[in-house]
Protein backbone atom coordinates (compact mmCIF):
# COMPACT_ATOMS: atom_id res chain seq x y z
CA UNK A 1 82.74 66.29 103.44
CA UNK A 2 81.55 65.83 99.73
CA UNK A 3 81.35 69.22 98.64
CA UNK A 4 84.94 69.77 99.25
CA UNK A 5 87.41 68.97 96.03
CA UNK A 6 89.74 65.95 96.81
CA UNK A 7 91.82 67.69 99.10
CA UNK A 8 95.27 67.43 97.26
CA UNK A 9 93.47 68.77 94.44
CA UNK A 10 92.26 71.90 96.83
CA UNK A 11 95.77 72.84 97.90
CA UNK A 12 97.41 72.88 95.08
CA UNK A 13 95.07 75.07 92.85
CA UNK A 14 94.76 77.58 95.88
CA UNK A 15 98.40 77.17 97.46
CA UNK A 16 100.37 80.22 95.59
CA UNK A 17 97.38 82.91 96.09
CA UNK A 18 97.08 81.35 99.86
CA UNK A 19 100.89 82.00 100.12
CA UNK A 20 100.66 85.23 98.80
CA UNK A 21 97.93 86.41 101.18
CA UNK A 22 99.74 85.51 103.53
CA UNK A 23 103.07 87.49 102.26
CA UNK A 24 101.36 90.44 102.26
CA UNK A 25 100.14 90.24 106.25
CA UNK A 26 103.73 89.15 107.23
CA UNK A 27 105.84 90.32 105.45
CA UNK A 28 108.38 87.40 104.77
CA UNK A 29 108.40 85.22 102.03
CA UNK A 30 109.65 82.34 104.47
CA UNK A 31 106.91 82.98 106.84
CA UNK A 32 104.23 82.73 103.95
CA UNK A 33 105.24 79.70 103.57
CA UNK A 34 105.20 78.13 106.70
CA UNK A 35 101.57 79.61 107.36
CA UNK A 36 100.06 78.34 103.98
CA UNK A 37 100.89 75.04 104.93
CA UNK A 38 99.65 75.80 108.52
CA UNK A 39 96.55 77.07 106.62
CA UNK A 40 96.29 73.69 105.15
CA UNK A 41 96.90 71.60 108.07
CA UNK A 42 94.33 73.48 109.45
CA UNK A 43 91.86 72.76 106.90
CA UNK A 44 92.38 69.26 107.10
CA UNK A 45 91.83 68.94 110.22
CA UNK A 46 88.59 70.86 109.87
CA UNK A 47 87.32 69.19 106.55
CA UNK A 48 84.47 67.62 108.55
CA UNK A 49 83.03 71.13 109.65
CA UNK A 50 83.16 72.74 106.27
CA UNK A 51 79.64 73.85 105.68
CA UNK A 52 80.19 74.95 101.97
CA UNK A 53 78.07 77.88 102.28
CA UNK A 54 80.70 80.95 101.76
CA UNK A 55 83.16 78.83 98.83
CA UNK A 56 85.98 76.97 99.61
CA UNK A 57 88.33 79.54 98.59
CA UNK A 58 86.62 82.09 101.27
CA UNK A 59 87.13 79.23 103.66
CA UNK A 60 90.47 78.99 103.37
CA UNK A 61 91.31 82.64 103.16
CA UNK A 62 89.81 83.04 106.53
CA UNK A 63 91.82 79.96 107.77
CA UNK A 64 95.30 81.47 106.58
CA UNK A 65 94.14 85.20 108.27
CA UNK A 66 93.34 83.71 111.51
CA UNK A 67 96.86 82.03 111.23
CA UNK A 68 98.37 85.00 110.37
CA UNK A 69 96.90 87.10 112.97
CA UNK A 70 97.95 84.35 115.62
CA UNK A 71 101.62 85.01 114.26
CA UNK A 72 101.11 89.07 114.34
CA UNK A 73 99.88 88.53 117.93
CA UNK A 74 103.80 87.53 119.54
CA UNK A 75 106.29 88.84 117.00
CA UNK A 76 107.21 92.39 116.43
CA UNK A 77 106.54 94.07 112.77
CA UNK A 78 109.50 93.77 110.01
CA UNK A 79 111.52 96.68 109.09
CA UNK A 80 113.72 98.10 106.58
CA UNK A 81 116.48 99.92 107.45
CA UNK A 82 115.17 103.65 106.61
CA UNK A 83 112.59 102.93 109.25
CA UNK A 84 115.26 102.85 112.07
CA UNK A 85 117.33 105.99 112.25
CA UNK A 86 118.81 108.57 110.14
CA UNK A 87 120.74 107.83 107.14
CA UNK A 88 124.60 107.07 107.39
CA UNK A 89 127.77 107.84 105.57
CA UNK A 90 129.97 104.50 104.17
CA UNK A 91 132.97 104.17 106.81
CA UNK A 92 134.43 100.29 106.00
CA UNK A 93 132.91 97.50 107.15
CA UNK A 94 129.54 96.80 109.05
CA UNK A 95 128.04 94.41 111.00
CA UNK A 96 124.33 92.28 109.96
CA UNK A 97 121.47 92.87 112.34
CA UNK A 98 119.60 90.08 113.52
CA UNK A 99 116.39 92.17 113.45
CA UNK A 100 113.14 90.89 111.43
CA UNK A 101 113.40 92.74 108.01
CA UNK A 102 110.88 92.72 105.69
CA UNK A 103 111.96 90.26 102.61
CA UNK A 104 110.72 90.34 98.76
CA UNK A 105 109.16 87.98 97.06
CA UNK A 106 109.87 86.69 93.68
CA UNK A 107 107.14 87.58 90.38
CA UNK A 108 107.10 83.85 89.61
CA UNK A 109 105.45 83.56 92.89
CA UNK A 110 102.95 85.90 92.33
CA UNK A 111 102.35 84.87 88.44
CA UNK A 112 101.60 81.62 89.97
CA UNK A 113 98.60 82.56 92.32
CA UNK A 114 96.34 80.84 89.67
CA UNK A 115 93.67 81.85 87.21
CA UNK A 116 90.94 82.07 90.23
CA UNK A 117 93.03 84.37 92.20
CA UNK A 118 92.92 87.96 92.95
CA UNK A 119 95.47 89.88 90.29
CA UNK A 120 98.79 90.69 92.81
CA UNK A 121 98.43 94.19 91.00
CA UNK A 122 101.98 96.37 92.10
CA UNK A 123 100.05 98.78 93.92
CA UNK A 124 99.31 96.20 97.01
CA UNK A 125 102.66 94.45 96.77
CA UNK A 126 105.29 96.56 96.04
CA UNK A 127 107.98 97.09 98.89
CA UNK A 128 106.87 100.43 99.84
CA UNK A 129 103.07 99.33 100.33
CA UNK A 130 104.35 96.24 102.33
CA UNK A 131 106.67 98.21 104.46
CA UNK A 132 103.79 100.73 105.03
CA UNK A 133 101.26 98.05 106.32
CA UNK A 134 103.87 96.92 109.17
CA UNK A 135 103.13 99.93 110.86
CA UNK A 136 99.55 98.66 110.86
CA UNK A 137 98.06 96.87 114.29
CA UNK A 138 97.11 93.08 113.05
CA UNK A 139 93.40 93.34 113.16
CA UNK A 140 94.10 96.71 111.07
CA UNK A 141 95.98 94.75 109.01
CA UNK A 142 93.50 91.93 107.86
CA UNK A 143 90.71 94.56 107.70
CA UNK A 144 93.20 96.76 104.82
CA UNK A 145 93.49 93.18 102.72
CA UNK A 146 90.25 91.76 103.34
CA UNK A 147 88.41 94.88 101.79
CA UNK A 148 91.36 96.26 99.65
CA UNK A 149 93.12 93.73 98.39
CA UNK A 150 90.49 90.63 98.23
CA UNK A 151 87.41 93.13 97.60
CA UNK A 152 85.42 91.26 100.89
CA UNK A 153 82.29 93.00 101.93
CA UNK A 154 82.40 94.69 105.34
CA UNK A 155 79.98 92.22 106.85
CA UNK A 156 82.51 89.28 105.45
CA UNK A 157 85.12 90.95 107.08
CA UNK A 158 83.67 91.70 110.87
CA UNK A 159 82.31 88.15 110.72
CA UNK A 160 85.75 86.77 110.29
CA UNK A 161 87.02 88.89 113.11
CA UNK A 162 84.00 88.51 114.86
CA UNK A 163 83.22 91.96 115.40
CA UNK A 164 80.34 94.14 114.41
CA UNK A 165 80.48 96.23 110.66
CA UNK A 166 81.40 99.86 112.66
CA UNK A 167 84.19 98.08 114.08
CA UNK A 168 85.41 97.13 110.91
CA UNK A 169 84.57 100.25 108.90
CA UNK A 170 86.24 102.14 111.65
CA UNK A 171 89.25 99.84 111.57
CA UNK A 172 89.57 100.30 107.66
CA UNK A 173 89.64 104.05 107.76
CA UNK A 174 92.25 104.23 110.34
CA UNK A 175 94.22 101.84 108.42
CA UNK A 176 93.92 103.73 105.28
CA UNK A 177 94.73 107.21 107.07
CA UNK A 178 97.88 105.38 108.32
CA UNK A 179 98.65 104.24 104.77
CA UNK A 180 98.27 108.00 103.34
CA UNK A 181 101.06 109.38 105.92
CA UNK A 182 103.33 106.53 105.38
CA UNK A 183 103.51 106.15 101.33
CA UNK A 184 105.20 108.43 99.10
CA UNK A 185 103.16 111.25 97.55
CA UNK A 186 105.06 110.67 94.32
CA UNK A 187 103.84 106.50 94.63
CA UNK A 188 101.93 107.13 91.05
CA UNK A 189 105.00 108.17 88.91
CA UNK A 190 107.22 105.09 89.79
CA UNK A 191 107.15 102.55 87.05
CA UNK A 192 104.71 99.76 86.82
CA UNK A 193 103.70 97.45 85.26
CA UNK A 194 104.96 95.17 82.13
CA UNK A 195 108.58 96.54 81.85
CA UNK A 196 109.39 99.49 79.37
CA UNK A 197 111.83 99.74 76.61
CA UNK A 198 113.44 102.78 78.89
CA UNK A 199 113.34 100.55 81.93
CA UNK A 200 115.04 97.55 80.28
CA UNK A 201 117.28 99.59 78.61
CA UNK A 202 118.52 101.27 81.92
CA UNK A 203 118.38 98.01 83.71
CA UNK A 204 121.30 96.92 81.31
CA UNK A 205 123.29 100.14 81.79
CA UNK A 206 122.78 99.47 85.70
CA UNK A 207 123.92 95.82 85.50
CA UNK A 208 126.70 96.79 83.47
CA UNK A 209 128.03 99.68 85.46
CA UNK A 210 128.08 97.31 88.56
CA UNK A 211 129.68 94.74 86.64
CA UNK A 212 132.58 96.58 85.44
CA UNK A 213 133.03 98.06 89.24
CA UNK A 214 132.28 101.62 87.69
CA UNK A 215 130.57 103.45 90.69
CA UNK A 216 130.58 106.95 88.38
CA UNK A 217 128.62 105.10 85.98
CA UNK A 218 125.91 104.07 88.82
CA UNK A 219 125.74 107.41 89.37
CA UNK A 220 124.35 108.45 86.54
CA UNK A 221 121.65 106.57 86.59
CA UNK A 222 120.93 107.52 90.15
CA UNK A 223 118.33 110.54 90.89
CA UNK A 224 120.51 112.53 93.66
CA UNK A 225 117.91 111.97 96.16
CA UNK A 226 118.10 108.07 95.54
CA UNK A 227 117.87 106.32 98.72
CA UNK A 228 119.63 102.77 99.20
CA UNK A 229 118.35 100.12 102.06
CA UNK A 230 120.60 96.77 102.40
CA UNK A 231 118.99 93.91 104.87
CA UNK A 232 120.64 92.78 107.24
CA UNK A 233 122.75 95.45 107.71
CA UNK A 234 120.93 98.87 109.43
CA UNK A 235 123.05 101.35 107.52
CA UNK A 236 121.53 102.90 104.61
CA UNK A 237 122.12 106.15 102.31
CA UNK A 238 120.09 109.06 101.60
CA UNK A 239 121.60 110.30 98.71
CA UNK A 240 123.32 109.46 95.50
CA UNK A 241 126.47 110.74 96.76
CA UNK A 242 126.70 108.77 99.66
CA UNK A 243 125.59 105.55 97.52
CA UNK A 244 128.28 106.42 95.05
CA UNK A 245 130.51 106.90 98.25
CA UNK A 246 129.95 103.43 99.44
CA UNK A 247 130.29 102.05 95.93
CA UNK A 248 134.03 103.43 95.50
CA UNK A 249 135.27 101.83 98.61
CA UNK A 250 133.52 98.41 98.19
CA UNK A 251 134.03 98.10 94.17
CA UNK A 252 137.61 99.25 94.09
CA UNK A 253 140.38 96.42 94.18
CA UNK A 254 142.78 98.86 95.78
CA UNK A 255 140.41 99.48 98.80
CA UNK A 256 140.68 97.24 101.93
CA UNK A 257 137.62 97.22 101.87
CA UNK A 258 136.72 96.06 98.52
CA UNK A 259 133.92 93.29 98.33
CA UNK A 260 134.79 91.89 95.28
CA UNK A 261 133.55 91.77 91.47
CA UNK A 262 129.80 91.50 90.89
CA UNK A 263 127.79 88.80 87.98
CA UNK A 264 124.13 90.06 87.74
CA UNK A 265 120.97 88.88 85.81
CA UNK A 266 117.60 90.92 85.22
CA UNK A 267 114.28 89.56 87.31
CA UNK A 268 111.73 91.02 88.49
CA UNK A 269 110.21 91.24 92.54
CA UNK A 270 107.45 92.56 94.21
CA UNK A 271 106.03 93.83 90.70
CA UNK A 272 109.20 95.86 89.99
CA UNK A 273 112.47 95.72 88.36
CA UNK A 274 115.19 93.82 89.93
CA UNK A 275 118.51 92.48 89.60
CA UNK A 276 119.91 88.87 90.99
CA UNK A 277 123.46 89.16 92.37
CA UNK A 278 126.23 86.84 92.39
CA UNK A 279 129.60 87.83 93.87
CA UNK A 280 133.35 86.96 93.36
CA UNK A 281 135.18 87.78 96.66
CA UNK A 282 138.97 88.91 96.74
CA UNK A 283 141.06 85.64 96.94
CA UNK A 284 138.17 83.49 95.20
CA UNK A 285 137.67 81.88 91.67
CA UNK A 286 134.04 81.80 91.70
CA UNK A 287 130.82 83.58 91.87
CA UNK A 288 128.33 83.08 94.38
CA UNK A 289 125.03 83.99 94.99
CA UNK A 290 124.77 87.07 96.75
CA UNK A 291 121.42 88.46 97.01
CA UNK A 292 118.51 90.19 95.00
CA UNK A 293 118.21 94.18 94.50
CA UNK A 294 115.30 95.68 93.88
CA UNK A 295 114.90 98.83 92.06
CA UNK A 296 112.43 101.90 91.81
CA UNK A 297 112.21 103.96 88.79
CA UNK A 298 111.04 107.35 88.44
CA UNK A 299 111.41 109.68 85.28
CA UNK A 300 114.50 107.63 84.03
CA UNK A 301 116.31 107.05 87.06
CA UNK A 302 116.66 104.84 89.89
CA UNK A 303 115.08 106.69 92.96
CA UNK A 304 114.98 103.78 95.63
CA UNK A 305 117.31 100.68 95.99
CA UNK A 306 116.68 97.58 98.13
CA UNK A 307 119.67 95.47 97.95
CA UNK A 308 118.14 92.30 100.13
CA UNK A 309 121.69 90.16 100.59
CA UNK A 310 120.25 87.35 102.94
CA UNK A 311 117.39 85.42 100.53
CA UNK A 312 118.09 82.13 99.18
CA UNK A 313 118.46 81.66 95.60
CA UNK A 314 116.41 78.58 95.90
CA UNK A 315 113.52 80.76 96.40
CA UNK A 316 113.75 82.85 92.93
CA UNK A 317 114.53 79.21 90.84
CA UNK A 318 118.13 80.50 90.61
CA UNK A 319 121.65 78.62 90.96
CA UNK A 320 123.97 79.65 94.13
CA UNK A 321 127.04 79.74 91.88
CA UNK A 322 127.39 82.01 88.37
CA UNK A 323 127.58 80.18 85.09
CA UNK A 324 128.94 82.46 82.29
CA UNK A 325 126.65 80.50 79.84
């Protein structure tokens, strides 16, 4: 295998972009890490059969895609709460549900994909896109990612899937039609790219309102039809009014449903503005890691809020406890 670079160098050069590819396919950061490892294990075992005609990156993407298809064949699609049923109303404590939830990915991992990787555009990594992709059968999902994200040709895609070019093109058309049905029509109006001064100011106000435990201050930042999902809880809210009613229960120290006080710092996830969160529960002295919330901003207001309580702090390179310094 003289034409393949030192294997350790190969792994480090392509690890992040292969992990991002697996994340797009699977919707789970933890699964993506496992499948990236599986990809390089399969590559190591097959290194003597690598012929070099397609290039190392293409070879690795082929292995990763097939590894993801193997997983998707035996696992249900990942979901967000608003895909499971109608919105609800706050009413006190709620129980977590053990479901295959869609997970966020920190931008720092996307930025580490490497200079040779395809640029990770927001349109192909944001939560709305990934949630829509989850509705696609595995092979349609693979065709869509290979063609529309990685820019593979119809023939390359068909060869990987061991099918005809006509079948691959048909799968792509069906996948694109499903995405048109599932993606928000006003998606192009969302804040995209690097944070703007307006977005930065809004995030500061959002953090200040939460840290002050002031639901009405949060309300002034929400679009009236704002939606909030909170994996691992199935309950979700479909209006600013419902979100504020829930906050009034959870932030009021006099409420029996008060969760405590928050500390937050701005971050980025899935190419979207986000806040990392620590919580000091009633009776505790320390702010402990709580999770990450992703925001969708449209015309200066928050239209979507996705709070992920179960994501590990280590994945975000953040401490388990809050330090005021």
